[in-house]
Amino acid sequence: MKSKAVFYHAGCPVCISAEQGITAALDKQRFEVEVVHLGEDSSRLSDAENAGVKSVPALVIEGQAYHINHGADLSALK
């Protein structure tokens, strides 16, 4: 069974670069990757917050949030 990985971003150049690197690096045999563009789908902000995301870009794997770089605070996306 694959683990779920969710990559949250806001569409900025830092986020797009991180998305490309992360999605290429994750083992597709082990992870099902969902990419969530919070700038286009603000209804998912609460999902990101509940997962522990404080800023984007961020990757959540098995309930653990990993902040990759500091592109934008979630509060700036509301």
PDB file of N, CA and C in Angstrom:
ATOM      1  N   MET A   1       0.840  -1.186   0.000  1.00  0.00           N
ATOM      2  CA  MET A   1       0.000   0.000   0.000  1.00  0.00           C
ATOM      3  C   MET A   1       0.880   1.243   0.000  1.00  0.00           C
ATOM      4  N   LYS A   2       0.527   2.219  -0.829  1.00  0.00           N
ATOM      5  CA  LYS A   2       1.299   3.452  -0.931  1.00  0.00           C
ATOM      6  C   LYS A   2       0.950   4.405   0.200  1.00  0.00           C
ATOM      7  N   SER A   3       1.961   5.158   0.646  1.00  0.00           N
ATOM      8  CA  SER A   3       1.736   6.240   1.597  1.00  0.00           C
ATOM      9  C   SER A   3       1.303   7.468   0.819  1.00  0.00           C
ATOM     10  N   LYS A   4       0.491   8.311   1.457  1.00  0.00           N
ATOM     11  CA  LYS A   4       0.044   9.524   0.795  1.00  0.00           C
ATOM     12  C   LYS A   4       0.976  10.668   1.150  1.00  0.00           C
ATOM     13  N   ALA A   5       1.350  11.434   0.146  1.00  0.00           N
ATOM     14  CA  ALA A   5       2.145  12.642   0.322  1.00  0.00           C
ATOM     15  C   ALA A   5       1.353  13.788  -0.308  1.00  0.00           C
ATOM     16  N   VAL A   6       1.204  14.880   0.435  1.00  0.00           N
ATOM     17  CA  VAL A   6       0.492  16.041  -0.088  1.00  0.00           C
ATOM     18  C   VAL A   6       1.465  17.208  -0.121  1.00  0.00           C
ATOM     19  N   PHE A   7       1.634  17.789  -1.298  1.00  0.00           N
ATOM     20  CA  PHE A   7       2.505  18.943  -1.470  1.00  0.00           C
ATOM     21  C   PHE A   7       1.624  20.174  -1.603  1.00  0.00           C
ATOM     22  N   TYR A   8       1.750  21.091  -0.647  1.00  0.00           N
ATOM     23  CA  TYR A   8       0.976  22.337  -0.647  1.00  0.00           C
ATOM     24  C   TYR A   8       1.861  23.469  -1.142  1.00  0.00           C
ATOM     25  N   HIS A   9       1.301  24.292  -2.040  1.00  0.00           N
ATOM     26  CA  HIS A   9       2.049  25.453  -2.505  1.00  0.00           C
ATOM     27  C   HIS A   9       1.096  26.564  -2.919  1.00  0.00           C
ATOM     28  N   ALA A  10       1.679  27.730  -3.250  1.00  0.00           N
ATOM     29  CA  ALA A  10       0.862  28.889  -3.596  1.00  0.00           C
ATOM     30  C   ALA A  10       1.089  29.365  -5.026  1.00  0.00           C
ATOM     31  N   GLY A  11       1.906  28.652  -5.783  1.00  0.00           N
ATOM     32  CA  GLY A  11       2.095  28.999  -7.178  1.00  0.00           C
ATOM     33  C   GLY A  11       3.250  29.935  -7.478  1.00  0.00           C
ATOM     34  N   CYS A  12       3.980  30.363  -6.460  1.00  0.00           N
ATOM     35  CA  CYS A  12       5.117  31.262  -6.682  1.00  0.00           C
ATOM     36  C   CYS A  12       6.278  30.478  -7.307  1.00  0.00           C
ATOM     37  N   PRO A  13       7.275  31.172  -7.855  1.00  0.00           N
ATOM     38  CA  PRO A  13       8.407  30.468  -8.468  1.00  0.00           C
ATOM     39  C   PRO A  13       9.130  29.513  -7.513  1.00  0.00           C
ATOM     40  N   VAL A  14       9.272  29.880  -6.248  1.00  0.00           N
ATOM     41  CA  VAL A  14       9.904  28.997  -5.261  1.00  0.00           C
ATOM     42  C   VAL A  14       9.086  27.725  -5.109  1.00  0.00           C
ATOM     43  N   CYS A  15       7.769  27.880  -5.050  1.00  0.00           N
ATOM     44  CA  CYS A  15       6.873  26.732  -4.884  1.00  0.00           C
ATOM     45  C   CYS A  15       6.900  25.815  -6.105  1.00  0.00           C
ATOM     46  N   ILE A  16       6.878  26.392  -7.297  1.00  0.00           N
ATOM     47  CA  ILE A  16       6.880  25.597  -8.520  1.00  0.00           C
ATOM     48  C   ILE A  16       8.176  24.801  -8.633  1.00  0.00           C
ATOM     49  N   SER A  17       9.287  25.436  -8.312  1.00  0.00           N
ATOM     50  CA  SER A  17      10.577  24.746  -8.343  1.00  0.00           C
ATOM     51  C   SER A  17      10.598  23.591  -7.341  1.00  0.00           C
ATOM     52  N   ALA A  18      10.087  23.851  -6.135  1.00  0.00           N
ATOM     53  CA  ALA A  18      10.037  22.807  -5.107  1.00  0.00           C
ATOM     54  C   ALA A  18       9.112  21.670  -5.541  1.00  0.00           C
ATOM     55  N   GLU A  19       7.978  22.006  -6.147  1.00  0.00           N
ATOM     56  CA  GLU A  19       7.044  20.970  -6.624  1.00  0.00           C
ATOM     57  C   GLU A  19       7.724  20.051  -7.633  1.00  0.00           C
ATOM     58  N   GLN A  20       8.424  20.633  -8.572  1.00  0.00           N
ATOM     59  CA  GLN A  20       9.096  19.834  -9.597  1.00  0.00           C
ATOM     60  C   GLN A  20      10.142  18.912  -8.969  1.00  0.00           C
ATOM     61  N   GLY A  21      10.915  19.437  -8.029  1.00  0.00           N
ATOM     62  CA  GLY A  21      11.941  18.629  -7.376  1.00  0.00           C
ATOM     63  C   GLY A  21      11.356  17.528  -6.522  1.00  0.00           C
ATOM     64  N   ILE A  22      10.346  17.858  -5.747  1.00  0.00           N
ATOM     65  CA  ILE A  22       9.732  16.882  -4.839  1.00  0.00           C
ATOM     66  C   ILE A  22       9.031  15.772  -5.615  1.00  0.00           C
ATOM     67  N   THR A  23       8.220  16.148  -6.598  1.00  0.00           N
ATOM     68  CA  THR A  23       7.470  15.124  -7.318  1.00  0.00           C
ATOM     69  C   THR A  23       8.404  14.220  -8.122  1.00  0.00           C
ATOM     70  N   ALA A  24       9.534  14.745  -8.572  1.00  0.00           N
ATOM     71  CA  ALA A  24      10.506  13.915  -9.292  1.00  0.00           C
ATOM     72  C   ALA A  24      11.271  13.001  -8.337  1.00  0.00           C
ATOM     73  N   ALA A  25      11.514  13.471  -7.109  1.00  0.00           N
ATOM     74  CA  ALA A  25      12.349  12.728  -6.168  1.00  0.00           C
ATOM     75  C   ALA A  25      11.601  11.626  -5.408  1.00  0.00           C
ATOM     76  N   LEU A  26      10.318  11.806  -5.185  1.00  0.00           N
ATOM     77  CA  LEU A  26       9.579  10.807  -4.409  1.00  0.00           C
ATOM     78  C   LEU A  26       9.397   9.521  -5.209  1.00  0.00           C
ATOM     79  N   ASP A  27       9.603   8.426  -4.549  1.00  0.00           N
ATOM     80  CA  ASP A  27       9.465   7.104  -5.151  1.00  0.00           C
ATOM     81  C   ASP A  27       7.988   6.834  -5.434  1.00  0.00           C
ATOM     82  N   LYS A  28       7.640   6.774  -6.706  1.00  0.00           N
ATOM     83  CA  LYS A  28       6.237   6.573  -7.113  1.00  0.00           C
ATOM     84  C   LYS A  28       5.695   5.215  -6.696  1.00  0.00           C
ATOM     85  N   GLN A  29       6.573   4.272  -6.397  1.00  0.00           N
ATOM     86  CA  GLN A  29       6.146   2.959  -5.923  1.00  0.00           C
ATOM     87  C   GLN A  29       5.712   3.020  -4.455  1.00  0.00           C
ATOM     88  N   ARG A  30       6.266   3.987  -3.711  1.00  0.00           N
ATOM     89  CA  ARG A  30       5.976   4.090  -2.276  1.00  0.00           C
ATOM     90  C   ARG A  30       4.971   5.169  -1.935  1.00  0.00           C
ATOM     91  N   PHE A  31       4.880   6.222  -2.777  1.00  0.00           N
ATOM     92  CA  PHE A  31       4.052   7.373  -2.437  1.00  0.00           C
ATOM     93  C   PHE A  31       3.062   7.731  -3.528  1.00  0.00           C
ATOM     94  N   GLU A  32       1.847   8.030  -3.085  1.00  0.00           N
ATOM     95  CA  GLU A  32       0.839   8.640  -3.942  1.00  0.00           C
ATOM     96  C   GLU A  32       0.916  10.133  -3.636  1.00  0.00           C
ATOM     97  N   VAL A  33       1.275  10.938  -4.621  1.00  0.00           N
ATOM     98  CA  VAL A  33       1.492  12.363  -4.396  1.00  0.00           C
ATOM     99  C   VAL A  33       0.301  13.173  -4.895  1.00  0.00           C
ATOM    100  N   GLU A  34      -0.211  14.022  -4.013  1.00  0.00           N
ATOM    101  CA  GLU A  34      -1.261  14.969  -4.377  1.00  0.00           C
ATOM    102  C   GLU A  34      -0.654  16.362  -4.287  1.00  0.00           C
ATOM    103  N   VAL A  35      -0.838  17.165  -5.315  1.00  0.00           N
ATOM    104  CA  VAL A  35      -0.348  18.541  -5.324  1.00  0.00           C
ATOM    105  C   VAL A  35      -1.544  19.462  -5.137  1.00  0.00           C
ATOM    106  N   VAL A  36      -1.454  20.341  -4.124  1.00  0.00           N
ATOM    107  CA  VAL A  36      -2.545  21.266  -3.823  1.00  0.00           C
ATOM    108  C   VAL A  36      -2.030  22.698  -3.975  1.00  0.00           C
ATOM    109  N   HIS A  37      -2.579  23.407  -4.947  1.00  0.00           N
ATOM    110  CA  HIS A  37      -2.233  24.813  -5.204  1.00  0.00           C
ATOM    111  C   HIS A  37      -3.218  25.652  -4.396  1.00  0.00           C
ATOM    112  N   LEU A  38      -2.769  26.146  -3.260  1.00  0.00           N
ATOM    113  CA  LEU A  38      -3.661  26.882  -2.352  1.00  0.00           C
ATOM    114  C   LEU A  38      -4.082  28.233  -2.914  1.00  0.00           C
ATOM    115  N   GLY A  39      -3.323  28.761  -3.856  1.00  0.00           N
ATOM    116  CA  GLY A  39      -3.709  30.006  -4.505  1.00  0.00           C
ATOM    117  C   GLY A  39      -4.928  29.823  -5.396  1.00  0.00           C
ATOM    118  N   GLU A  40      -5.115  28.616  -5.906  1.00  0.00           N
ATOM    119  CA  GLU A  40      -6.259  28.303  -6.759  1.00  0.00           C
ATOM    120  C   GLU A  40      -7.377  27.593  -6.013  1.00  0.00           C
ATOM    121  N   ASP A  41      -7.062  26.945  -4.902  1.00  0.00           N
ATOM    122  CA  ASP A  41      -8.061  26.187  -4.141  1.00  0.00           C
ATOM    123  C   ASP A  41      -7.952  26.527  -2.656  1.00  0.00           C
ATOM    124  N   SER A  42      -8.437  27.709  -2.308  1.00  0.00           N
ATOM    125  CA  SER A  42      -8.346  28.167  -0.916  1.00  0.00           C
ATOM    126  C   SER A  42      -9.204  27.331   0.030  1.00  0.00           C
ATOM    127  N   SER A  43     -10.114  26.519  -0.498  1.00  0.00           N
ATOM    128  CA  SER A  43     -10.930  25.660   0.365  1.00  0.00           C
ATOM    129  C   SER A  43     -10.071  24.606   1.064  1.00  0.00           C
ATOM    130  N   ARG A  44      -8.846  24.394   0.590  1.00  0.00           N
ATOM    131  CA  ARG A  44      -7.952  23.393   1.180  1.00  0.00           C
ATOM    132  C   ARG A  44      -7.035  23.996   2.260  1.00  0.00           C
ATOM    133  N   LEU A  45      -7.159  25.304   2.529  1.00  0.00           N
ATOM    134  CA  LEU A  45      -6.334  25.936   3.564  1.00  0.00           C
ATOM    135  C   LEU A  45      -6.498  25.270   4.920  1.00  0.00           C
ATOM    136  N   SER A  46      -7.719  24.924   5.278  1.00  0.00           N
ATOM    137  CA  SER A  46      -7.951  24.285   6.577  1.00  0.00           C
ATOM    138  C   SER A  46      -7.293  22.904   6.628  1.00  0.00           C
ATOM    139  N   ASP A  47      -7.281  22.181   5.499  1.00  0.00           N
ATOM    140  CA  ASP A  47      -6.585  20.889   5.449  1.00  0.00           C
ATOM    141  C   ASP A  47      -5.101  21.086   5.735  1.00  0.00           C
ATOM    142  N   ALA A  48      -4.516  22.093   5.114  1.00  0.00           N
ATOM    143  CA  ALA A  48      -3.092  22.381   5.308  1.00  0.00           C
ATOM    144  C   ALA A  48      -2.814  22.748   6.765  1.00  0.00           C
ATOM    145  N   GLU A  49      -3.634  23.626   7.316  1.00  0.00           N
ATOM    146  CA  GLU A  49      -3.452  24.025   8.720  1.00  0.00           C
ATOM    147  C   GLU A  49      -3.574  22.830   9.652  1.00  0.00           C
ATOM    148  N   ASN A  50      -4.577  22.004   9.435  1.00  0.00           N
ATOM    149  CA  ASN A  50      -4.793  20.824  10.286  1.00  0.00           C
ATOM    150  C   ASN A  50      -3.645  19.833  10.191  1.00  0.00           C
ATOM    151  N   ALA A  51      -2.939  19.858   9.061  1.00  0.00           N
ATOM    152  CA  ALA A  51      -1.798  18.959   8.871  1.00  0.00           C
ATOM    153  C   ALA A  51      -0.508  19.535   9.463  1.00  0.00           C
ATOM    154  N   GLY A  52      -0.578  20.761   9.987  1.00  0.00           N
ATOM    155  CA  GLY A  52       0.598  21.368  10.607  1.00  0.00           C
ATOM    156  C   GLY A  52       1.395  22.277   9.708  1.00  0.00           C
ATOM    157  N   VAL A  53       0.868  22.580   8.531  1.00  0.00           N
ATOM    158  CA  VAL A  53       1.569  23.465   7.606  1.00  0.00           C
ATOM    159  C   VAL A  53       1.452  24.903   8.111  1.00  0.00           C
ATOM    160  N   LYS A  54       2.593  25.575   8.191  1.00  0.00           N
ATOM    161  CA  LYS A  54       2.638  26.976   8.632  1.00  0.00           C
ATOM    162  C   LYS A  54       2.949  27.909   7.472  1.00  0.00           C
ATOM    163  N   SER A  55       3.711  27.398   6.503  1.00  0.00           N
ATOM    164  CA  SER A  55       4.075  28.180   5.327  1.00  0.00           C
ATOM    165  C   SER A  55       4.230  27.230   4.149  1.00  0.00           C
ATOM    166  N   VAL A  56       4.176  27.808   2.962  1.00  0.00           N
ATOM    167  CA  VAL A  56       4.347  27.005   1.752  1.00  0.00           C
ATOM    168  C   VAL A  56       5.611  27.448   1.033  1.00  0.00           C
ATOM    169  N   PRO A  57       6.242  26.562   0.317  1.00  0.00           N
ATOM    170  CA  PRO A  57       5.862  25.191   0.018  1.00  0.00           C
ATOM    171  C   PRO A  57       6.107  24.260   1.195  1.00  0.00           C
ATOM    172  N   ALA A  58       5.271  23.250   1.294  1.00  0.00           N
ATOM    173  CA  ALA A  58       5.395  22.257   2.363  1.00  0.00           C
ATOM    174  C   ALA A  58       4.904  20.907   1.852  1.00  0.00           C
ATOM    175  N   LEU A  59       5.493  19.871   2.394  1.00  0.00           N
ATOM    176  CA  LEU A  59       5.124  18.508   2.043  1.00  0.00           C
ATOM    177  C   LEU A  59       4.657  17.810   3.309  1.00  0.00           C
ATOM    178  N   VAL A  60       3.524  17.139   3.232  1.00  0.00           N
ATOM    179  CA  VAL A  60       3.001  16.380   4.367  1.00  0.00           C
ATOM    180  C   VAL A  60       3.022  14.904   3.988  1.00  0.00           C
ATOM    181  N   ILE A  61       3.766  14.133   4.771  1.00  0.00           N
ATOM    182  CA  ILE A  61       3.847  12.694   4.563  1.00  0.00           C
ATOM    183  C   ILE A  61       3.474  12.004   5.865  1.00  0.00           C
ATOM    184  N   GLU A  62       2.470  11.142   5.788  1.00  0.00           N
ATOM    185  CA  GLU A  62       2.016  10.373   6.939  1.00  0.00           C
ATOM    186  C   GLU A  62       1.811  11.247   8.182  1.00  0.00           C
ATOM    187  N   GLY A  63       1.161  12.398   7.978  1.00  0.00           N
ATOM    188  CA  GLY A  63       0.821  13.278   9.079  1.00  0.00           C
ATOM    189  C   GLY A  63       1.922  14.194   9.570  1.00  0.00           C
ATOM    190  N   GLN A  64       3.082  14.148   8.955  1.00  0.00           N
ATOM    191  CA  GLN A  64       4.211  14.995   9.356  1.00  0.00           C
ATOM    192  C   GLN A  64       4.444  16.059   8.291  1.00  0.00           C
ATOM    193  N   ALA A  65       4.428  17.335   8.718  1.00  0.00           N
ATOM    194  CA  ALA A  65       4.651  18.446   7.794  1.00  0.00           C
ATOM    195  C   ALA A  65       6.137  18.769   7.704  1.00  0.00           C
ATOM    196  N   TYR A  66       6.605  18.913   6.476  1.00  0.00           N
ATOM    197  CA  TYR A  66       7.994  19.288   6.202  1.00  0.00           C
ATOM    198  C   TYR A  66       7.981  20.588   5.415  1.00  0.00           C
ATOM    199  N   HIS A  67       8.529  21.634   6.015  1.00  0.00           N
ATOM    200  CA  HIS A  67       8.580  22.940   5.365  1.00  0.00           C
ATOM    201  C   HIS A  67       9.864  23.020   4.553  1.00  0.00           C
ATOM    202  N   ILE A  68       9.715  23.200   3.251  1.00  0.00           N
ATOM    203  CA  ILE A  68      10.826  23.102   2.326  1.00  0.00           C
ATOM    204  C   ILE A  68      11.579  24.414   2.196  1.00  0.00           C
ATOM    205  N   ASN A  69      10.895  25.488   2.104  1.00  0.00           N
ATOM    206  CA  ASN A  69      11.473  26.811   1.948  1.00  0.00           C
ATOM    207  C   ASN A  69      10.392  27.765   2.436  1.00  0.00           C
ATOM    208  N   HIS A  70      10.705  29.023   2.579  1.00  0.00           N
ATOM    209  CA  HIS A  70       9.669  29.942   3.034  1.00  0.00           C
ATOM    210  C   HIS A  70       9.223  30.817   1.879  1.00  0.00           C
ATOM    211  N   GLY A  71       8.129  30.409   1.254  1.00  0.00           N
ATOM    212  CA  GLY A  71       7.560  31.184   0.174  1.00  0.00           C
ATOM    213  C   GLY A  71       6.501  32.150   0.678  1.00  0.00           C
ATOM    214  N   ALA A  72       5.571  31.656   1.498  1.00  0.00           N
ATOM    215  CA  ALA A  72       4.494  32.480   2.042  1.00  0.00           C
ATOM    216  C   ALA A  72       3.885  31.811   3.259  1.00  0.00           C
ATOM    217  N   ASP A  73       3.532  32.623   4.242  1.00  0.00           N
ATOM    218  CA  ASP A  73       2.796  32.106   5.400  1.00  0.00           C
ATOM    219  C   ASP A  73       1.370  31.777   4.959  1.00  0.00           C
ATOM    220  N   LEU A  74       0.776  30.770   5.592  1.00  0.00           N
ATOM    221  CA  LEU A  74      -0.606  30.436   5.252  1.00  0.00           C
ATOM    222  C   LEU A  74      -1.542  31.623   5.498  1.00  0.00           C
ATOM    223  N   SER A  75      -1.255  32.414   6.512  1.00  0.00           N
ATOM    224  CA  SER A  75      -2.111  33.562   6.826  1.00  0.00           C
ATOM    225  C   SER A  75      -2.167  34.552   5.655  1.00  0.00           C
ATOM    226  N   ALA A  76      -1.118  34.616   4.848  1.00  0.00           N
ATOM    227  CA  ALA A  76      -1.103  35.514   3.694  1.00  0.00           C
ATOM    228  C   ALA A  76      -2.016  35.021   2.569  1.00  0.00           C
ATOM    229  N   LEU A  77      -2.399  33.766   2.610  1.00  0.00           N
ATOM    230  CA  LEU A  77      -3.228  33.171   1.567  1.00  0.00           C
ATOM    231  C   LEU A  77      -4.711  33.257   1.880  1.00  0.00           C
ATOM    232  N   LYS A  78      -5.040  33.706   3.062  1.00  0.00           N
ATOM    233  CA  LYS A  78      -6.468  33.795   3.450  1.00  0.00           C
ATOM    234  C   LYS A  78      -7.112  35.043   2.904  1.00  0.00           C
TER     235      LYS A  78
END
